């Protein structure tokens, strides 16, 4: 047993469960039925570098009740240690072991699948991916450094790329340019067996506190267009990260609750794994999107922000 519930059980559960607002009448049942809360970060814990109101109290309340807290983010720009520093800078104490980022997931995917150490990894992304690759023992190329490079589109000019690159990892990249796209495309198309890995496919994200910005899905889509291939996605809603959570904490997914602000990543991730789900409306998803007839992803519960949990418990 790996802690998961079967697909038929999940289907039966979803048919019985109607999305409902978190309230004083149901919050205690939810909290008591859960041993671990999995939190998304952008739009749930913070927006950009601004902490969302009531987060520290919420985390302290849940810890005091003996709940395990895990932070599962699709944002690959930082490594786990860099995220731990960000939490600390915002006045929250979180250990590296409590953080599961898509940058870490990309490195772990290569590790568990026996990616050869003599092969290199080209990164269309930022420092977080490069750092996690290095910690896993792999050689990464590209990243922010290649964001400064340009191409020469002239007769008889050949764009050279490293033939020993065995994987291209694409994530959120504010330094993306034509050079990186050409490099990654050549590796995927011309290097035999080269893997095309996406950290995630989020369309947008709250990279600042006031507005949404293009997400990793834009960078991944560009590579899909030029390579004519679909990537291996390691972040939410893929359950790849859940495999590590199950091994590390040995808690059944039915005793976990995924708390997130996105239906197509966070809530779907929780549902795919058989977790309880709580949507917060402090990030990407608003109430009109949730209630729209075209939306078929329904969380178990929804509320305005995570600080509603301790308020409702009182």
Protein backbone atom coordinates (compact mmCIF):
# COMPACT_ATOMS: atom_id res chain seq x y z
CA UNK A 1 0.00 0.00 0.00
CA UNK A 2 1.36 3.45 -0.93
CA UNK A 3 -1.18 5.49 1.01
CA UNK A 4 -3.34 6.35 -2.00
CA UNK A 5 -7.00 5.58 -2.50
CA UNK A 6 -8.17 3.93 -5.71
CA UNK A 7 -9.51 5.87 -8.72
CA UNK A 8 -12.96 4.33 -8.25
CA UNK A 9 -12.98 5.45 -4.61
CA UNK A 10 -11.91 8.95 -5.66
CA UNK A 11 -14.67 9.11 -8.29
CA UNK A 12 -17.27 7.91 -5.80
CA UNK A 13 -16.00 10.43 -3.25
CA UNK A 14 -16.11 13.34 -5.74
CA UNK A 15 -19.66 12.43 -6.79
CA UNK A 16 -20.82 12.46 -3.17
CA UNK A 17 -19.00 15.67 -2.27
CA UNK A 18 -20.42 19.05 -3.20
CA UNK A 19 -18.14 22.09 -2.98
CA UNK A 20 -19.09 24.04 0.13
CA UNK A 21 -17.81 27.13 1.94
CA UNK A 22 -15.66 26.50 4.99
CA UNK A 23 -17.73 27.35 8.06
CA UNK A 24 -17.82 26.96 11.86
CA UNK A 25 -19.99 23.88 11.23
CA UNK A 26 -17.51 21.94 9.08
CA UNK A 27 -14.03 23.31 9.82
CA UNK A 28 -13.53 21.13 12.92
CA UNK A 29 -14.44 17.97 11.02
CA UNK A 30 -11.96 18.86 8.27
CA UNK A 31 -9.08 19.69 10.60
CA UNK A 32 -9.66 16.65 12.81
CA UNK A 33 -9.70 14.33 9.79
CA UNK A 34 -6.33 15.58 8.50
CA UNK A 35 -2.80 14.81 9.71
CA UNK A 36 -0.94 16.92 7.14
CA UNK A 37 -1.77 20.18 5.39
CA UNK A 38 -0.09 20.77 2.02
CA UNK A 39 0.09 24.47 1.18
CA UNK A 40 0.77 26.09 -2.14
CA UNK A 41 2.82 29.29 -1.69
CA UNK A 42 2.13 31.96 -4.35
CA UNK A 43 -1.36 33.29 -3.74
CA UNK A 44 -1.80 31.27 -0.54
CA UNK A 45 1.11 32.14 1.77
CA UNK A 46 2.31 35.25 -0.06
CA UNK A 47 1.92 37.38 -3.16
CA UNK A 48 5.34 38.29 -4.53
CA UNK A 49 7.28 39.29 -1.40
CA UNK A 50 4.22 40.32 0.60
CA UNK A 51 2.86 37.94 3.23
CA UNK A 52 -0.91 37.37 3.09
CA UNK A 53 -2.70 38.48 6.27
CA UNK A 54 -3.06 35.93 9.04
CA UNK A 55 -0.67 33.31 7.64
CA UNK A 56 1.70 33.08 10.66
CA UNK A 57 -1.20 32.61 13.10
CA UNK A 58 -2.75 29.95 10.87
CA UNK A 59 0.47 27.93 10.63
CA UNK A 60 1.11 28.26 14.38
CA UNK A 61 -2.44 27.11 15.16
CA UNK A 62 -2.15 24.02 12.96
CA UNK A 63 1.33 23.14 14.32
CA UNK A 64 0.04 23.47 17.90
CA UNK A 65 -2.65 20.92 16.98
CA UNK A 66 0.06 18.46 15.90
CA UNK A 67 -0.49 18.85 12.17
CA UNK A 68 2.35 18.26 9.73
CA UNK A 69 2.83 21.25 7.39
CA UNK A 70 4.30 20.89 3.89
CA UNK A 71 4.76 23.61 1.29
CA UNK A 72 4.32 22.41 -2.29
CA UNK A 73 5.09 25.07 -4.90
CA UNK A 74 5.21 25.01 -8.70
CA UNK A 75 7.43 28.10 -8.77
CA UNK A 76 10.85 26.78 -9.85
CA UNK A 77 12.79 30.06 -9.65
CA UNK A 78 14.08 29.16 -6.17
CA UNK A 79 15.57 26.03 -4.64
CA UNK A 80 14.26 24.61 -1.37
CA UNK A 81 16.98 26.36 0.64
CA UNK A 82 16.21 29.65 -1.11
CA UNK A 83 12.54 29.21 -0.25
CA UNK A 84 13.43 28.50 3.39
CA UNK A 85 15.28 31.84 3.44
CA UNK A 86 12.25 33.59 1.95
CA UNK A 87 9.99 32.12 4.64
CA UNK A 88 12.49 33.28 7.29
CA UNK A 89 12.61 36.80 5.82
CA UNK A 90 8.82 36.95 6.17
CA UNK A 91 9.00 35.86 9.80
CA UNK A 92 8.02 32.21 9.33
CA UNK A 93 10.22 29.30 10.42
CA UNK A 94 10.11 26.49 7.85
CA UNK A 95 12.72 23.77 7.33
CA UNK A 96 14.06 22.69 3.94
CA UNK A 97 12.52 19.24 4.50
CA UNK A 98 9.06 20.82 4.64
CA UNK A 99 9.44 22.38 1.17
CA UNK A 100 8.73 20.58 -2.11
CA UNK A 101 9.37 22.84 -5.10
CA UNK A 102 9.07 21.97 -8.79
CA UNK A 103 12.80 22.76 -9.14
CA UNK A 104 13.49 19.96 -6.64
CA UNK A 105 11.00 17.70 -8.42
CA UNK A 106 12.83 18.14 -11.73
CA UNK A 107 16.15 17.12 -10.17
CA UNK A 108 14.54 14.18 -8.36
CA UNK A 109 12.85 12.97 -11.54
CA UNK A 110 16.26 12.68 -13.18
CA UNK A 111 17.73 11.00 -10.09
CA UNK A 112 15.06 8.32 -9.61
CA UNK A 113 15.07 7.53 -13.32
CA UNK A 114 18.83 6.93 -13.39
CA UNK A 115 19.83 9.92 -15.51
CA UNK A 116 23.54 9.40 -16.38
CA UNK A 117 25.91 11.63 -14.40
CA UNK A 118 28.05 12.15 -17.51
CA UNK A 119 25.10 13.78 -19.28
CA UNK A 120 24.34 17.48 -18.86
CA UNK A 121 21.05 19.30 -18.31
CA UNK A 122 20.16 22.48 -20.19
CA UNK A 123 17.94 24.86 -18.19
CA UNK A 124 15.41 27.26 -19.64
CA UNK A 125 14.67 28.63 -16.20
CA UNK A 126 16.30 30.30 -13.23
CA UNK A 127 18.72 29.70 -10.39
CA UNK A 128 16.46 27.38 -8.38
CA UNK A 129 16.63 24.61 -10.99
CA UNK A 130 20.41 24.92 -11.38
CA UNK A 131 20.93 24.72 -7.61
CA UNK A 132 18.74 21.64 -7.17
CA UNK A 133 20.46 19.92 -10.12
CA UNK A 134 23.85 20.58 -8.53
CA UNK A 135 22.67 19.23 -5.15
CA UNK A 136 21.48 16.07 -6.92
CA UNK A 137 24.90 15.65 -8.55
CA UNK A 138 24.06 16.81 -12.07
CA UNK A 139 25.73 19.38 -14.32
CA UNK A 140 23.40 22.18 -15.36
CA UNK A 141 23.90 24.62 -18.23
CA UNK A 142 21.97 27.74 -19.21
CA UNK A 143 19.80 29.51 -16.67
CA UNK A 144 20.01 33.27 -16.03
CA UNK A 145 23.52 33.48 -17.55
CA UNK A 146 22.19 32.60 -21.00
CA UNK A 147 19.55 35.28 -20.64
CA UNK A 148 22.24 37.80 -21.55
CA UNK A 149 23.22 36.06 -24.78
CA UNK A 150 22.07 36.95 -28.27
CA UNK A 151 21.96 35.16 -31.60
CA UNK A 152 23.40 36.19 -34.98
CA UNK A 153 20.94 35.51 -37.76
CA UNK A 154 23.23 35.76 -40.78
CA UNK A 155 24.23 33.53 -43.72
CA UNK A 156 26.53 30.56 -42.96
CA UNK A 157 26.26 31.01 -39.17
CA UNK A 158 25.75 27.75 -37.27
CA UNK A 159 24.35 27.76 -33.73
CA UNK A 160 26.47 25.31 -31.73
CA UNK A 161 25.08 23.31 -28.81
CA UNK A 162 26.53 20.74 -26.40
CA UNK A 163 25.90 17.23 -27.74
CA UNK A 164 26.24 15.76 -24.23
CA UNK A 165 23.03 17.43 -23.03
CA UNK A 166 20.64 14.61 -22.16
CA UNK A 167 17.75 16.63 -20.74
CA UNK A 168 16.21 20.07 -21.10
CA UNK A 169 14.32 21.41 -18.09
CA UNK A 170 11.92 24.29 -18.70
CA UNK A 171 10.47 26.39 -15.88
CA UNK A 172 9.46 29.95 -15.08
CA UNK A 173 12.07 32.20 -16.68
CA UNK A 174 12.07 35.99 -16.61
CA UNK A 175 15.29 35.86 -18.67
CA UNK A 176 13.88 33.77 -21.52
CA UNK A 177 15.12 34.78 -24.98
CA UNK A 178 15.65 33.50 -28.51
CA UNK A 179 19.09 32.11 -27.58
CA UNK A 180 17.67 29.83 -24.88
CA UNK A 181 14.81 28.66 -27.06
CA UNK A 182 17.19 27.76 -29.88
CA UNK A 183 19.59 25.98 -27.53
CA UNK A 184 16.87 23.95 -25.83
CA UNK A 185 15.17 23.14 -29.13
CA UNK A 186 18.38 21.86 -30.74
CA UNK A 187 19.11 19.64 -27.73
CA UNK A 188 15.63 18.07 -27.77
CA UNK A 189 15.50 17.64 -31.54
CA UNK A 190 19.08 16.62 -32.28
CA UNK A 191 20.54 14.94 -29.17
CA UNK A 192 19.46 11.26 -29.20
CA UNK A 193 17.11 10.44 -26.34
CA UNK A 194 17.18 13.96 -24.88
CA UNK A 195 14.41 14.40 -22.30
CA UNK A 196 12.07 17.40 -22.35
CA UNK A 197 10.98 18.14 -18.77
CA UNK A 198 8.62 20.91 -17.62
CA UNK A 199 8.56 21.98 -13.99
CA UNK A 200 4.90 22.99 -14.45
CA UNK A 201 2.47 24.55 -16.91
CA UNK A 202 0.85 27.32 -14.84
CA UNK A 203 -0.51 29.99 -17.17
CA UNK A 204 0.02 32.88 -14.72
CA UNK A 205 1.25 33.51 -11.20
CA UNK A 206 1.30 36.23 -8.53
CA UNK A 207 4.96 37.21 -8.91
CA UNK A 208 4.15 40.58 -7.34
CA UNK A 209 1.46 41.50 -4.83
CA UNK A 210 -0.61 43.64 -7.22
CA UNK A 211 -1.00 41.60 -10.39
CA UNK A 212 -0.52 38.31 -12.20
CA UNK A 213 2.42 37.63 -14.53
CA UNK A 214 3.02 35.03 -17.26
CA UNK A 215 3.74 31.63 -15.73
CA UNK A 216 5.98 28.74 -16.75
CA UNK A 217 3.26 27.54 -19.11
CA UNK A 218 4.29 30.29 -21.54
CA UNK A 219 7.91 29.10 -21.68
CA UNK A 220 6.85 25.46 -21.94
CA UNK A 221 4.42 26.28 -24.75
CA UNK A 222 7.20 28.00 -26.71
CA UNK A 223 9.37 24.88 -26.46
CA UNK A 224 6.42 22.65 -27.39
CA UNK A 225 5.93 24.76 -30.49
CA UNK A 226 9.53 24.57 -31.67
CA UNK A 227 10.21 20.92 -30.74
CA UNK A 228 6.77 19.57 -31.70
CA UNK A 229 6.93 17.47 -28.53
CA UNK A 230 5.07 17.34 -25.24
CA UNK A 231 7.08 17.51 -22.00
CA UNK A 232 7.22 15.31 -18.93
CA UNK A 233 5.56 17.51 -16.27
CA UNK A 234 6.89 17.01 -12.73
CA UNK A 235 5.02 19.76 -10.83
CA UNK A 236 1.35 19.98 -9.88
CA UNK A 237 -1.08 18.54 -10.95
CA UNK A 238 1.28 15.64 -11.73
CA UNK A 239 1.48 13.36 -8.69
CA UNK A 240 5.25 12.92 -9.03
CA UNK A 241 5.92 15.12 -5.97
CA UNK A 242 3.31 13.18 -4.03
CA UNK A 243 5.44 10.04 -4.34
CA UNK A 244 8.15 11.80 -2.31
CA UNK A 245 5.66 13.08 0.26
CA UNK A 246 4.32 9.57 0.81
CA UNK A 247 7.78 8.07 1.24
CA UNK A 248 8.97 10.85 3.54
CA UNK A 249 6.00 11.29 5.87
CA UNK A 250 4.21 7.92 5.60
CA UNK A 251 0.79 9.57 5.84
CA UNK A 252 -2.12 8.28 3.76
CA UNK A 253 -3.28 10.82 1.19
CA UNK A 254 -6.82 10.54 2.60
CA UNK A 255 -5.33 12.13 5.77
CA UNK A 256 -3.83 15.05 3.81
CA UNK A 257 -5.47 18.30 2.76
CA UNK A 258 -4.19 20.27 -0.24
CA UNK A 259 -4.70 24.02 0.23
CA UNK A 260 -4.25 26.09 -2.92
CA UNK A 261 -5.48 29.00 -5.01
CA UNK A 262 -5.53 27.29 -8.42
CA UNK A 263 -8.10 24.76 -9.57
CA UNK A 264 -6.09 23.28 -12.45
CA UNK A 265 -2.90 22.70 -10.45
CA UNK A 266 -3.40 22.71 -6.66
CA UNK A 267 -6.92 21.30 -6.40
CA UNK A 268 -6.44 18.84 -9.26
CA UNK A 269 -3.14 17.73 -7.69
CA UNK A 270 -4.93 17.01 -4.42
CA UNK A 271 -7.79 15.21 -6.12
CA UNK A 272 -5.48 13.12 -8.32
CA UNK A 273 -3.71 11.88 -5.20
CA UNK A 274 -6.86 11.31 -3.13
CA UNK A 275 -6.36 14.24 -0.72
CA UNK A 276 -8.96 16.47 0.91
CA UNK A 277 -9.00 19.84 -0.88
CA UNK A 278 -9.46 23.45 0.21
CA UNK A 279 -9.47 26.31 -2.29
CA UNK A 280 -8.53 29.79 -1.04
CA UNK A 281 -9.68 32.83 -3.02
CA UNK A 282 -6.62 34.95 -2.16
CA UNK A 283 -4.77 34.17 -5.41
CA UNK A 284 -5.60 33.22 -8.99
CA UNK A 285 -9.10 31.72 -8.67
CA UNK A 286 -12.08 33.93 -7.78
CA UNK A 287 -15.60 32.92 -6.81
CA UNK A 288 -17.03 33.57 -10.29
CA UNK A 289 -14.47 31.20 -11.85
CA UNK A 290 -15.24 28.55 -9.24
CA UNK A 291 -18.99 28.81 -9.82
CA UNK A 292 -18.77 29.09 -13.63
CA UNK A 293 -20.65 26.28 -15.36
CA UNK A 294 -17.60 25.53 -17.54
CA UNK A 295 -15.48 24.71 -14.47
CA UNK A 296 -15.45 20.99 -13.73
CA UNK A 297 -12.81 21.03 -10.96
CA UNK A 298 -14.61 21.37 -7.66
CA UNK A 299 -12.71 21.47 -4.35
CA UNK A 300 -14.26 19.95 -1.26
CA UNK A 301 -14.23 23.31 0.50
CA UNK A 302 -13.44 26.93 -0.33
CA UNK A 303 -12.75 30.04 1.74
CA UNK A 304 -11.35 33.55 1.28
CA UNK A 305 -7.87 32.93 2.77
CA UNK A 306 -6.01 30.54 5.06
CA UNK A 307 -6.49 32.77 8.13
CA UNK A 308 -10.19 31.77 8.04
CA UNK A 309 -9.16 28.37 9.48
CA UNK A 310 -8.20 29.57 12.99
CA UNK A 311 -10.99 32.18 12.97
CA UNK A 312 -13.63 29.56 12.21
CA UNK A 313 -12.13 27.12 14.73
CA UNK A 314 -12.68 29.76 17.44
